[in-house]
Amino acid sequence: MLIKTTAGLYCSRGNFYIDPSRGVEHAVITHSHADHARRGSKKYYCVQSGVGLLRERIGKNISVESHNYGEKFFLNGVELSFHPAGHILGSSQIRMQFENETWLASGDYKREPDPTCEPFEVVSCDVFVTEATFGTPSFAWPKGKDLGKEIFQWWQDNAEQGFNSVLFAYSLGKAQRVLGVLQPYAKKPIFCHPAATGLNQCYREQGILLAETQCLSEVQTIDPLKRELFLVPQSFLQSPQAPLLGEKFKTAFASGWTAQSTYGIDKGFVMSDHADWNDLVRTVKDTGARRVYVQHRGKGALVRHLKSLGIAAFPEEDLIPKNPDQMSFF
């Protein structure tokens, strides 16, 4: 069903790409992060709740065909449907069926609860192409923690000592998740980077509750702010607006990578939008797939572990055609 090409995963039967790395005729998009949704394609396909983010990221005037989760549609005889991936708002697993075989491309996914996106859905398939960003046993997220309460308390503790709080988070997905978990606790606006402002609006337009925010580009004063929470990318510290922090501030990072290192910052919140090791293994089992291809860490621990369980597992490189004739339409 799928082969790996220089432009990304390609379905020759349906003549479409999944998250292509360059412009193509038909681009089926799992979600709107920059390494999955790129400019230049003639037509995009995504789930309905992700259209706003896709237009915000790559262009207001792109040609987009959207579908609800679970709704079936066809591209050149291949049946497709989108299913929630739980990664960010509008993130999808792509189910493909032709004749009697079903493939599933996961995109990025997580199985932890998140108030800002649709919850992950298990999809049965014959062949599963799974991500494995955190595909080693050393990555295991603490479950059931109230991260909103933890972040809010860190902010309040810093404020009592006269410090501003700077929380580094990616502008799409992570920033909104932070705002979502803080929404029950925050009593005043959180200062957000301009890169997140339009994205926050896309979430709100889909009915997602976020904590109140103020865009840093709208701040009029040149004097340092005091006891505030700044939700920004790490590059903010080198930006012209960095003086708003003054000299007294504490830093934190919201990421799964902080499970292993705090990267020289004051505090790490283990908040990942990807599945950890246990959830990767659980998901493969839950799909019932008889064959699995692993992306990102394809030659690593997950492939070896799945093989030890009796599952036919391969690195994604094994999807590269050994014969150029395989590139042609069947």
C-alpha atoms as a PDB file:
ATOM      1  CA  MET A   1       0.000   0.000   0.000  1.00  0.00           C
ATOM      2  CA  LEU A   2       2.756   2.473   0.993  1.00  0.00           C
ATOM      3  CA  ILE A   3       6.332   2.937  -0.102  1.00  0.00           C
ATOM      4  CA  LYS A   4       8.944   5.358   1.201  1.00  0.00           C
ATOM      5  CA  THR A   5      10.219   7.885  -1.340  1.00  0.00           C
ATOM      6  CA  THR A   6      12.306  11.037  -1.181  1.00  0.00           C
ATOM      7  CA  ALA A   7       9.034  12.989  -0.951  1.00  0.00           C
ATOM      8  CA  GLY A   8       7.631  10.850   1.876  1.00  0.00           C
ATOM      9  CA  LEU A   9       5.215   7.948   2.235  1.00  0.00           C
ATOM     10  CA  TYR A  10       3.517   7.332  -1.102  1.00  0.00           C
ATOM     11  CA  CYS A  11       0.491   5.252  -2.040  1.00  0.00           C
ATOM     12  CA  SER A  12       0.882   4.448  -5.731  1.00  0.00           C
ATOM     13  CA  ARG A  13      -2.542   2.813  -5.975  1.00  0.00           C
ATOM     14  CA  GLY A  14      -4.240   5.992  -4.743  1.00  0.00           C
ATOM     15  CA  ASN A  15      -1.614   8.417  -6.110  1.00  0.00           C
ATOM     16  CA  PHE A  16      -1.298  10.359  -2.864  1.00  0.00           C
ATOM     17  CA  TYR A  17       1.377  11.107  -0.287  1.00  0.00           C
ATOM     18  CA  ILE A  18       1.071  11.200   3.485  1.00  0.00           C
ATOM     19  CA  ASP A  19       2.765  14.286   4.987  1.00  0.00           C
ATOM     20  CA  PRO A  20       4.966  14.860   1.904  1.00  0.00           C
ATOM     21  CA  SER A  21       8.259  16.699   2.332  1.00  0.00           C
ATOM     22  CA  ARG A  22       7.623  18.800  -0.795  1.00  0.00           C
ATOM     23  CA  GLY A  23       4.732  19.937  -2.951  1.00  0.00           C
ATOM     24  CA  VAL A  24       2.767  17.095  -4.584  1.00  0.00           C
ATOM     25  CA  GLU A  25      -0.577  16.701  -6.340  1.00  0.00           C
ATOM     26  CA  HIS A  26      -2.433  15.056  -3.434  1.00  0.00           C
ATOM     27  CA  ALA A  27      -1.171  15.528   0.151  1.00  0.00           C
ATOM     28  CA  VAL A  28      -2.969  13.673   2.959  1.00  0.00           C
ATOM     29  CA  ILE A  29      -2.000  15.430   6.189  1.00  0.00           C
ATOM     30  CA  THR A  30      -1.862  13.884   9.667  1.00  0.00           C
ATOM     31  CA  HIS A  31      -1.473  17.242  11.446  1.00  0.00           C
ATOM     32  CA  SER A  32      -0.170  20.777  11.031  1.00  0.00           C
ATOM     33  CA  HIS A  33       3.302  20.673  12.574  1.00  0.00           C
ATOM     34  CA  ALA A  34       5.913  21.994  10.159  1.00  0.00           C
ATOM     35  CA  ASP A  35       7.593  18.611   9.667  1.00  0.00           C
ATOM     36  CA  HIS A  36       4.285  17.117   8.520  1.00  0.00           C
ATOM     37  CA  ALA A  37       2.465  19.909   6.660  1.00  0.00           C
ATOM     38  CA  ARG A  38       4.404  21.809   4.022  1.00  0.00           C
ATOM     39  CA  ARG A  39       3.605  24.375   1.371  1.00  0.00           C
ATOM     40  CA  GLY A  40       3.318  23.734  -2.354  1.00  0.00           C
ATOM     41  CA  SER A  41       0.851  20.883  -2.844  1.00  0.00           C
ATOM     42  CA  LYS A  42      -2.039  21.272  -5.280  1.00  0.00           C
ATOM     43  CA  LYS A  43      -4.580  19.771  -2.891  1.00  0.00           C
ATOM     44  CA  TYR A  44      -4.591  18.897   0.795  1.00  0.00           C
ATOM     45  CA  TYR A  45      -6.765  16.433   2.684  1.00  0.00           C
ATOM     46  CA  CYS A  46      -7.209  16.643   6.446  1.00  0.00           C
ATOM     47  CA  VAL A  47      -9.773  16.201   9.205  1.00  0.00           C
ATOM     48  CA  GLN A  48     -12.300  19.011   9.605  1.00  0.00           C
ATOM     49  CA  SER A  49     -11.051  20.232  12.991  1.00  0.00           C
ATOM     50  CA  GLY A  50      -7.545  20.669  11.575  1.00  0.00           C
ATOM     51  CA  VAL A  51      -8.413  22.905   8.604  1.00  0.00           C
ATOM     52  CA  GLY A  52      -7.979  26.176  10.507  1.00  0.00           C
ATOM     53  CA  LEU A  53      -4.540  25.211  11.781  1.00  0.00           C
ATOM     54  CA  LEU A  54      -3.465  23.995   8.337  1.00  0.00           C
ATOM     55  CA  ARG A  55      -4.465  27.306   6.734  1.00  0.00           C
ATOM     56  CA  GLU A  56      -2.834  29.265   9.568  1.00  0.00           C
ATOM     57  CA  ARG A  57       0.440  27.420   9.074  1.00  0.00           C
ATOM     58  CA  ILE A  58       0.811  27.090   5.299  1.00  0.00           C
ATOM     59  CA  GLY A  59      -1.601  29.515   3.633  1.00  0.00           C
ATOM     60  CA  LYS A  60      -5.122  30.868   3.792  1.00  0.00           C
ATOM     61  CA  ASN A  61      -5.822  30.114   0.123  1.00  0.00           C
ATOM     62  CA  ILE A  62      -4.691  26.488  -0.116  1.00  0.00           C
ATOM     63  CA  SER A  63      -7.092  23.952  -1.624  1.00  0.00           C
ATOM     64  CA  VAL A  64      -8.319  21.715   1.221  1.00  0.00           C
ATOM     65  CA  GLU A  65     -10.783  18.842   1.281  1.00  0.00           C
ATOM     66  CA  SER A  66     -11.827  18.026   4.847  1.00  0.00           C
ATOM     67  CA  HIS A  67     -13.640  15.072   6.377  1.00  0.00           C
ATOM     68  CA  ASN A  68     -14.978  14.219   9.796  1.00  0.00           C
ATOM     69  CA  TYR A  69     -13.269  11.561  11.855  1.00  0.00           C
ATOM     70  CA  GLY A  70     -14.328   8.112  10.691  1.00  0.00           C
ATOM     71  CA  GLU A  71     -15.859   9.391   7.432  1.00  0.00           C
ATOM     72  CA  LYS A  72     -14.813   7.294   4.451  1.00  0.00           C
ATOM     73  CA  PHE A  73     -13.636   8.837   1.195  1.00  0.00           C
ATOM     74  CA  PHE A  74     -11.816   7.534  -1.847  1.00  0.00           C
ATOM     75  CA  LEU A  75      -8.712   8.493  -3.813  1.00  0.00           C
ATOM     76  CA  ASN A  76      -8.380   6.486  -7.021  1.00  0.00           C
ATOM     77  CA  GLY A  77     -10.105   3.460  -5.529  1.00  0.00           C
ATOM     78  CA  VAL A  78      -8.309   3.458  -2.164  1.00  0.00           C
ATOM     79  CA  GLU A  79     -10.656   3.939   0.792  1.00  0.00           C
ATOM     80  CA  LEU A  80      -9.347   6.404   3.393  1.00  0.00           C
ATOM     81  CA  SER A  81     -10.529   7.722   6.742  1.00  0.00           C
ATOM     82  CA  PHE A  82      -9.112   9.917   9.495  1.00  0.00           C
ATOM     83  CA  HIS A  83      -9.021   8.752  13.114  1.00  0.00           C
ATOM     84  CA  PRO A  84      -7.961  10.718  16.222  1.00  0.00           C
ATOM     85  CA  ALA A  85      -4.269  10.542  17.108  1.00  0.00           C
ATOM     86  CA  GLY A  86      -4.425  12.570  20.336  1.00  0.00           C
ATOM     87  CA  HIS A  87      -1.278  14.498  19.381  1.00  0.00           C
ATOM     88  CA  ILE A  88      -2.627  18.028  18.834  1.00  0.00           C
ATOM     89  CA  LEU A  89      -5.963  19.470  17.696  1.00  0.00           C
ATOM     90  CA  GLY A  90      -6.986  17.810  14.434  1.00  0.00           C
ATOM     91  CA  SER A  91      -4.208  15.240  14.492  1.00  0.00           C
ATOM     92  CA  SER A  92      -5.077  12.040  12.661  1.00  0.00           C
ATOM     93  CA  GLN A  93      -4.118   8.502  11.992  1.00  0.00           C
ATOM     94  CA  ILE A  94      -4.696   7.655   8.334  1.00  0.00           C
ATOM     95  CA  ARG A  95      -6.541   4.403   7.652  1.00  0.00           C
ATOM     96  CA  MET A  96      -6.235   3.029   4.107  1.00  0.00           C
ATOM     97  CA  GLN A  97      -8.029   0.024   2.670  1.00  0.00           C
ATOM     98  CA  PHE A  98      -7.723  -1.569  -0.737  1.00  0.00           C
ATOM     99  CA  GLU A  99      -9.436  -4.871  -1.489  1.00  0.00           C
ATOM    100  CA  ASN A 100      -8.938  -6.980   1.655  1.00  0.00           C
ATOM    101  CA  GLU A 101      -5.897  -5.264   3.201  1.00  0.00           C
ATOM    102  CA  THR A 102      -5.925  -2.385   5.689  1.00  0.00           C
ATOM    103  CA  TRP A 103      -2.954  -0.150   6.440  1.00  0.00           C
ATOM    104  CA  LEU A 104      -2.703   2.480   9.151  1.00  0.00           C
ATOM    105  CA  ALA A 105      -0.203   5.368   9.260  1.00  0.00           C
ATOM    106  CA  SER A 106      -0.157   6.768  12.773  1.00  0.00           C
ATOM    107  CA  GLY A 107       1.452  10.162  12.299  1.00  0.00           C
ATOM    108  CA  ASP A 108       2.463  11.434  15.747  1.00  0.00           C
ATOM    109  CA  TYR A 109       0.230  10.270  18.587  1.00  0.00           C
ATOM    110  CA  LYS A 110      -0.227  10.053  22.334  1.00  0.00           C
ATOM    111  CA  ARG A 111      -2.665   8.232  24.594  1.00  0.00           C
ATOM    112  CA  GLU A 112      -2.607  10.518  27.632  1.00  0.00           C
ATOM    113  CA  PRO A 113      -5.665  12.699  28.334  1.00  0.00           C
ATOM    114  CA  ASP A 114      -5.432  16.195  26.843  1.00  0.00           C
ATOM    115  CA  PRO A 115      -8.234  18.769  27.115  1.00  0.00           C
ATOM    116  CA  THR A 116      -7.129  20.496  23.909  1.00  0.00           C
ATOM    117  CA  CYS A 117      -7.461  17.713  21.340  1.00  0.00           C
ATOM    118  CA  GLU A 118      -9.545  14.709  20.397  1.00  0.00           C
ATOM    119  CA  PRO A 119      -8.603  11.535  22.358  1.00  0.00           C
ATOM    120  CA  PHE A 120      -6.635   8.764  20.659  1.00  0.00           C
ATOM    121  CA  GLU A 121      -8.659   6.021  18.980  1.00  0.00           C
ATOM    122  CA  VAL A 122      -7.426   2.457  18.533  1.00  0.00           C
ATOM    123  CA  VAL A 123      -7.799   1.395  14.891  1.00  0.00           C
ATOM    124  CA  SER A 124      -7.489  -2.216  13.808  1.00  0.00           C
ATOM    125  CA  CYS A 125      -5.298  -2.890  10.791  1.00  0.00           C
ATOM    126  CA  ASP A 126      -3.206  -5.473   8.993  1.00  0.00           C
ATOM    127  CA  VAL A 127      -0.138  -3.248   8.618  1.00  0.00           C
ATOM    128  CA  PHE A 128       0.785  -0.437  11.013  1.00  0.00           C
ATOM    129  CA  VAL A 129       3.264   2.363  10.278  1.00  0.00           C
ATOM    130  CA  THR A 130       4.009   3.806  13.706  1.00  0.00           C
ATOM    131  CA  GLU A 131       6.075   6.694  14.959  1.00  0.00           C
ATOM    132  CA  ALA A 132       8.627   5.984  17.711  1.00  0.00           C
ATOM    133  CA  THR A 133      10.008   9.380  18.739  1.00  0.00           C
ATOM    134  CA  PHE A 134      10.410   8.118  22.298  1.00  0.00           C
ATOM    135  CA  GLY A 135      10.895   4.497  21.328  1.00  0.00           C
ATOM    136  CA  THR A 136      13.248   3.326  24.089  1.00  0.00           C
ATOM    137  CA  PRO A 137      12.347   1.846  27.503  1.00  0.00           C
ATOM    138  CA  SER A 138      13.956   4.805  29.285  1.00  0.00           C
ATOM    139  CA  PHE A 139      10.992   7.013  28.317  1.00  0.00           C
ATOM    140  CA  ALA A 140       8.001   6.354  30.574  1.00  0.00           C
ATOM    141  CA  TRP A 141       5.746   9.278  31.409  1.00  0.00           C
ATOM    142  CA  PRO A 142       4.306   9.644  34.920  1.00  0.00           C
ATOM    143  CA  LYS A 143       0.579   9.007  34.580  1.00  0.00           C
ATOM    144  CA  GLY A 144      -2.307  10.775  36.258  1.00  0.00           C
ATOM    145  CA  LYS A 145      -0.466  13.922  37.319  1.00  0.00           C
ATOM    146  CA  ASP A 146      -2.256  17.278  37.385  1.00  0.00           C
ATOM    147  CA  LEU A 147       0.270  19.187  35.295  1.00  0.00           C
ATOM    148  CA  GLY A 148      -1.901  22.302  35.268  1.00  0.00           C
ATOM    149  CA  LYS A 149      -1.781  22.460  39.049  1.00  0.00           C
ATOM    150  CA  GLU A 150       1.978  21.820  39.073  1.00  0.00           C
ATOM    151  CA  ILE A 151       2.718  24.550  36.547  1.00  0.00           C
ATOM    152  CA  PHE A 152       0.409  27.002  38.303  1.00  0.00           C
ATOM    153  CA  GLN A 153       2.034  26.312  41.682  1.00  0.00           C
ATOM    154  CA  TRP A 154       5.508  26.819  40.181  1.00  0.00           C
ATOM    155  CA  TRP A 155       4.337  30.164  38.785  1.00  0.00           C
ATOM    156  CA  GLN A 156       2.885  31.214  42.143  1.00  0.00           C
ATOM    157  CA  ASP A 157       5.979  30.159  44.097  1.00  0.00           C
ATOM    158  CA  ASN A 158       8.160  32.202  41.748  1.00  0.00           C
ATOM    159  CA  ALA A 159       5.831  35.196  41.982  1.00  0.00           C
ATOM    160  CA  GLU A 160       5.987  35.164  45.780  1.00  0.00           C
ATOM    161  CA  GLN A 161       9.777  35.489  45.500  1.00  0.00           C
ATOM    162  CA  GLY A 162       9.462  38.344  42.996  1.00  0.00           C
ATOM    163  CA  PHE A 163      10.389  36.300  39.914  1.00  0.00           C
ATOM    164  CA  ASN A 164       8.778  36.155  36.497  1.00  0.00           C
ATOM    165  CA  SER A 165       8.187  32.623  35.190  1.00  0.00           C
ATOM    166  CA  VAL A 166       9.264  31.667  31.676  1.00  0.00           C
ATOM    167  CA  LEU A 167       7.845  28.398  30.369  1.00  0.00           C
ATOM    168  CA  PHE A 168       9.339  27.238  27.087  1.00  0.00           C
ATOM    169  CA  ALA A 169       6.914  25.366  24.844  1.00  0.00           C
ATOM    170  CA  TYR A 170       6.424  24.799  21.129  1.00  0.00           C
ATOM    171  CA  SER A 171       4.017  27.328  19.628  1.00  0.00           C
ATOM    172  CA  LEU A 172       1.670  24.719  18.128  1.00  0.00           C
ATOM    173  CA  GLY A 173       0.250  21.995  20.308  1.00  0.00           C
ATOM    174  CA  LYS A 174       2.335  22.271  23.451  1.00  0.00           C
ATOM    175  CA  ALA A 175       1.554  25.942  24.103  1.00  0.00           C
ATOM    176  CA  GLN A 176      -2.172  25.265  23.747  1.00  0.00           C
ATOM    177  CA  ARG A 177      -1.984  22.174  25.937  1.00  0.00           C
ATOM    178  CA  VAL A 178      -0.305  24.241  28.661  1.00  0.00           C
ATOM    179  CA  LEU A 179      -3.041  26.868  28.338  1.00  0.00           C
ATOM    180  CA  GLY A 180      -5.664  24.137  28.461  1.00  0.00           C
ATOM    181  CA  VAL A 181      -4.434  22.555  31.688  1.00  0.00           C
ATOM    182  CA  LEU A 182      -3.943  26.006  33.247  1.00  0.00           C
ATOM    183  CA  GLN A 183      -7.446  27.163  32.347  1.00  0.00           C
ATOM    184  CA  PRO A 184      -9.010  25.995  35.649  1.00  0.00           C
ATOM    185  CA  TYR A 185      -6.266  27.694  37.692  1.00  0.00           C
ATOM    186  CA  ALA A 186      -5.029  30.882  36.016  1.00  0.00           C
ATOM    187  CA  LYS A 187      -6.548  34.045  37.496  1.00  0.00           C
ATOM    188  CA  LYS A 188      -4.940  36.517  35.093  1.00  0.00           C
ATOM    189  CA  PRO A 189      -3.715  36.526  31.486  1.00  0.00           C
ATOM    190  CA  ILE A 190      -0.657  34.549  30.438  1.00  0.00           C
ATOM    191  CA  PHE A 191       1.758  36.342  28.129  1.00  0.00           C
ATOM    192  CA  CYS A 192       2.155  34.418  24.866  1.00  0.00           C
ATOM    193  CA  HIS A 193       4.568  34.723  21.979  1.00  0.00           C
ATOM    194  CA  PRO A 194       3.083  36.195  18.760  1.00  0.00           C
ATOM    195  CA  ALA A 195       3.745  32.892  16.969  1.00  0.00           C
ATOM    196  CA  ALA A 196       1.095  31.261  19.161  1.00  0.00           C
ATOM    197  CA  THR A 197      -1.584  33.956  18.931  1.00  0.00           C
ATOM    198  CA  GLY A 198      -3.242  32.878  15.676  1.00  0.00           C
ATOM    199  CA  LEU A 199      -2.911  29.221  16.660  1.00  0.00           C
ATOM    200  CA  ASN A 200      -4.621  29.893  19.992  1.00  0.00           C
ATOM    201  CA  GLN A 201      -7.499  31.449  18.061  1.00  0.00           C
ATOM    202  CA  CYS A 202      -7.825  28.345  15.882  1.00  0.00           C
ATOM    203  CA  TYR A 203      -8.214  26.255  19.020  1.00  0.00           C
ATOM    204  CA  ARG A 204     -10.785  28.613  20.502  1.00  0.00           C
ATOM    205  CA  GLU A 205     -12.781  28.550  17.272  1.00  0.00           C
ATOM    206  CA  GLN A 206     -13.063  24.775  17.706  1.00  0.00           C
ATOM    207  CA  GLY A 207     -14.523  25.248  21.189  1.00  0.00           C
ATOM    208  CA  ILE A 208     -11.330  24.422  23.092  1.00  0.00           C
ATOM    209  CA  LEU A 209     -11.095  26.177  26.473  1.00  0.00           C
ATOM    210  CA  LEU A 210      -7.770  27.920  27.013  1.00  0.00           C
ATOM    211  CA  ALA A 211      -6.545  30.160  29.801  1.00  0.00           C
ATOM    212  CA  GLU A 212      -6.801  33.873  29.040  1.00  0.00           C
ATOM    213  CA  THR A 213      -3.792  35.196  27.139  1.00  0.00           C
ATOM    214  CA  GLN A 214      -2.163  38.441  26.094  1.00  0.00           C
ATOM    215  CA  CYS A 215       0.092  38.619  23.054  1.00  0.00           C
ATOM    216  CA  LEU A 216       3.543  39.987  23.842  1.00  0.00           C
ATOM    217  CA  SER A 217       3.435  42.099  20.689  1.00  0.00           C
ATOM    218  CA  GLU A 218       0.608  44.092  22.287  1.00  0.00           C
ATOM    219  CA  VAL A 219       2.557  45.015  25.435  1.00  0.00           C
ATOM    220  CA  GLN A 220       3.080  48.781  25.427  1.00  0.00           C
ATOM    221  CA  THR A 221       5.430  49.258  28.367  1.00  0.00           C
ATOM    222  CA  ILE A 222       9.201  49.087  28.055  1.00  0.00           C
ATOM    223  CA  ASP A 223       9.582  48.446  31.770  1.00  0.00           C
ATOM    224  CA  PRO A 224      10.021  44.846  32.934  1.00  0.00           C
ATOM    225  CA  LEU A 225       6.863  43.008  33.895  1.00  0.00           C
ATOM    226  CA  LYS A 226       6.656  41.444  37.337  1.00  0.00           C
ATOM    227  CA  ARG A 227       5.478  38.052  38.637  1.00  0.00           C
ATOM    228  CA  GLU A 228       3.994  37.044  35.275  1.00  0.00           C
ATOM    229  CA  LEU A 229       3.983  33.790  33.324  1.00  0.00           C
ATOM    230  CA  PHE A 230       5.534  33.924  29.846  1.00  0.00           C
ATOM    231  CA  LEU A 231       4.683  31.031  27.495  1.00  0.00           C
ATOM    232  CA  VAL A 232       7.266  31.292  24.725  1.00  0.00           C
ATOM    233  CA  PRO A 233       9.746  29.378  22.547  1.00  0.00           C
ATOM    234  CA  GLN A 234      13.349  29.316  23.777  1.00  0.00           C
ATOM    235  CA  SER A 235      14.367  31.827  21.116  1.00  0.00           C
ATOM    236  CA  PHE A 236      12.444  34.478  23.080  1.00  0.00           C
ATOM    237  CA  LEU A 237      15.457  35.044  25.338  1.00  0.00           C
ATOM    238  CA  GLN A 238      17.343  36.442  22.319  1.00  0.00           C
ATOM    239  CA  SER A 239      14.413  38.515  21.040  1.00  0.00           C
ATOM    240  CA  PRO A 240      13.950  42.309  21.290  1.00  0.00           C
ATOM    241  CA  GLN A 241      11.180  41.738  23.855  1.00  0.00           C
ATOM    242  CA  ALA A 242      13.358  39.760  26.264  1.00  0.00           C
ATOM    243  CA  PRO A 243      13.987  42.868  28.454  1.00  0.00           C
ATOM    244  CA  LEU A 244      10.350  42.579  29.567  1.00  0.00           C
ATOM    245  CA  LEU A 245      11.569  39.773  31.821  1.00  0.00           C
ATOM    246  CA  GLY A 246      13.902  41.997  33.799  1.00  0.00           C
ATOM    247  CA  GLU A 247      16.721  40.353  35.720  1.00  0.00           C
ATOM    248  CA  LYS A 248      14.610  38.153  38.007  1.00  0.00           C
ATOM    249  CA  PHE A 249      13.059  35.206  36.235  1.00  0.00           C
ATOM    250  CA  LYS A 250      12.947  31.420  36.430  1.00  0.00           C
ATOM    251  CA  THR A 251      12.829  29.122  33.406  1.00  0.00           C
ATOM    252  CA  ALA A 252      11.083  25.819  32.737  1.00  0.00           C
ATOM    253  CA  PHE A 253      10.537  23.517  29.765  1.00  0.00           C
ATOM    254  CA  ALA A 254       7.411  21.449  29.040  1.00  0.00           C
ATOM    255  CA  SER A 255       8.546  18.408  27.059  1.00  0.00           C
ATOM    256  CA  GLY A 256       9.013  14.668  27.147  1.00  0.00           C
ATOM    257  CA  TRP A 257      12.734  15.240  26.733  1.00  0.00           C
ATOM    258  CA  THR A 258      12.880  16.626  30.283  1.00  0.00           C
ATOM    259  CA  ALA A 259      12.380  13.052  31.493  1.00  0.00           C
ATOM    260  CA  GLN A 260      16.106  12.655  30.890  1.00  0.00           C
ATOM    261  CA  SER A 261      17.528  16.190  31.125  1.00  0.00           C
ATOM    262  CA  THR A 262      16.452  19.678  32.160  1.00  0.00           C
ATOM    263  CA  TYR A 263      18.775  21.184  29.508  1.00  0.00           C
ATOM    264  CA  GLY A 264      20.256  23.754  31.889  1.00  0.00           C
ATOM    265  CA  ILE A 265      16.920  25.314  32.838  1.00  0.00           C
ATOM    266  CA  ASP A 266      15.491  25.667  36.320  1.00  0.00           C
ATOM    267  CA  LYS A 267      12.546  23.264  36.038  1.00  0.00           C
ATOM    268  CA  GLY A 268      11.318  20.505  33.751  1.00  0.00           C
ATOM    269  CA  PHE A 269       7.697  19.461  33.338  1.00  0.00           C
ATOM    270  CA  VAL A 270       7.382  16.048  31.703  1.00  0.00           C
ATOM    271  CA  MET A 271       4.637  16.865  29.211  1.00  0.00           C
ATOM    272  CA  SER A 272       4.933  15.006  25.929  1.00  0.00           C
ATOM    273  CA  ASP A 273       2.602  14.982  22.951  1.00  0.00           C
ATOM    274  CA  HIS A 274       4.050  11.630  21.870  1.00  0.00           C
ATOM    275  CA  ALA A 275       3.478   8.132  23.187  1.00  0.00           C
ATOM    276  CA  ASP A 276       6.054   6.809  25.630  1.00  0.00           C
ATOM    277  CA  TRP A 277       7.594   3.352  25.385  1.00  0.00           C
ATOM    278  CA  ASN A 278       4.779   1.545  27.160  1.00  0.00           C
ATOM    279  CA  ASP A 279       2.081   3.210  25.060  1.00  0.00           C
ATOM    280  CA  LEU A 280       3.952   2.533  21.826  1.00  0.00           C
ATOM    281  CA  VAL A 281       4.092  -1.172  22.610  1.00  0.00           C
ATOM    282  CA  ARG A 282       0.479  -1.200  23.837  1.00  0.00           C
ATOM    283  CA  THR A 283      -0.744   0.540  20.693  1.00  0.00           C
ATOM    284  CA  VAL A 284       0.971  -1.905  18.356  1.00  0.00           C
ATOM    285  CA  LYS A 285      -0.663  -4.776  20.238  1.00  0.00           C
ATOM    286  CA  ASP A 286      -4.061  -3.060  20.276  1.00  0.00           C
ATOM    287  CA  THR A 287      -4.121  -2.583  16.493  1.00  0.00           C
ATOM    288  CA  GLY A 288      -3.712  -6.309  15.939  1.00  0.00           C
ATOM    289  CA  ALA A 289      -1.319  -5.564  13.079  1.00  0.00           C
ATOM    290  CA  ARG A 290       0.510  -8.567  11.680  1.00  0.00           C
ATOM    291  CA  ARG A 291       3.245  -6.344  10.225  1.00  0.00           C
ATOM    292  CA  VAL A 292       4.690  -3.124  11.659  1.00  0.00           C
ATOM    293  CA  TYR A 293       7.010  -0.472  10.217  1.00  0.00           C
ATOM    294  CA  VAL A 294       8.694   1.885  12.691  1.00  0.00           C
ATOM    295  CA  GLN A 295       9.524   5.506  11.924  1.00  0.00           C
ATOM    296  CA  HIS A 296      12.119   7.780  13.596  1.00  0.00           C
ATOM    297  CA  ARG A 297      13.851   5.017  15.584  1.00  0.00           C
ATOM    298  CA  GLY A 298      13.314   2.262  13.058  1.00  0.00           C
ATOM    299  CA  LYS A 299      16.548   0.395  13.740  1.00  0.00           C
ATOM    300  CA  GLY A 300      16.249   0.634  17.499  1.00  0.00           C
ATOM    301  CA  ALA A 301      14.719  -0.916  20.558  1.00  0.00           C
ATOM    302  CA  LEU A 302      11.087  -0.961  19.451  1.00  0.00           C
ATOM    303  CA  VAL A 303      11.718  -3.095  16.372  1.00  0.00           C
ATOM    304  CA  ARG A 304      13.804  -5.529  18.409  1.00  0.00           C
ATOM    305  CA  HIS A 305      11.209  -5.709  21.184  1.00  0.00           C
ATOM    306  CA  LEU A 306       8.297  -6.265  18.811  1.00  0.00           C
ATOM    307  CA  LYS A 307      10.218  -9.069  17.109  1.00  0.00           C
ATOM    308  CA  SER A 308      10.777 -10.662  20.513  1.00  0.00           C
ATOM    309  CA  LEU A 309       6.990 -10.654  20.935  1.00  0.00           C
ATOM    310  CA  GLY A 310       6.571 -12.520  17.667  1.00  0.00           C
ATOM    311  CA  ILE A 311       5.413  -9.446  15.689  1.00  0.00           C
ATOM    312  CA  ALA A 312       6.894  -8.920  12.223  1.00  0.00           C
ATOM    313  CA  ALA A 313       8.540  -5.508  12.722  1.00  0.00           C
ATOM    314  CA  PHE A 314      10.763  -3.549  10.363  1.00  0.00           C
ATOM    315  CA  PRO A 315      12.414  -0.134  10.097  1.00  0.00           C
ATOM    316  CA  GLU A 316      10.655   2.294   7.747  1.00  0.00           C
ATOM    317  CA  GLU A 317      13.631   2.006   5.395  1.00  0.00           C
ATOM    318  CA  ASP A 318      12.262  -1.394   4.421  1.00  0.00           C
ATOM    319  CA  LEU A 319       9.443   0.482   2.670  1.00  0.00           C
ATOM    320  CA  ILE A 320      11.943   1.842   0.127  1.00  0.00           C
ATOM    321  CA  PRO A 321      11.375  -0.043  -3.150  1.00  0.00           C
ATOM    322  CA  LYS A 322      14.212  -2.370  -4.092  1.00  0.00           C
ATOM    323  CA  ASN A 323      13.025  -2.262  -7.683  1.00  0.00           C
ATOM    324  CA  PRO A 324      12.316   1.116  -9.350  1.00  0.00           C
ATOM    325  CA  ASP A 325       9.395  -0.509 -11.187  1.00  0.00           C
ATOM    326  CA  GLN A 326       7.568  -0.581  -7.847  1.00  0.00           C
ATOM    327  CA  MET A 327       7.179   3.186  -8.154  1.00  0.00           C
ATOM    328  CA  SER A 328       4.757   2.823 -11.048  1.00  0.00           C
ATOM    329  CA  PHE A 329       0.986   2.620 -10.692  1.00  0.00           C
ATOM    330  CA  PHE A 330      -0.259  -0.967 -10.381  1.00  0.00           C
END
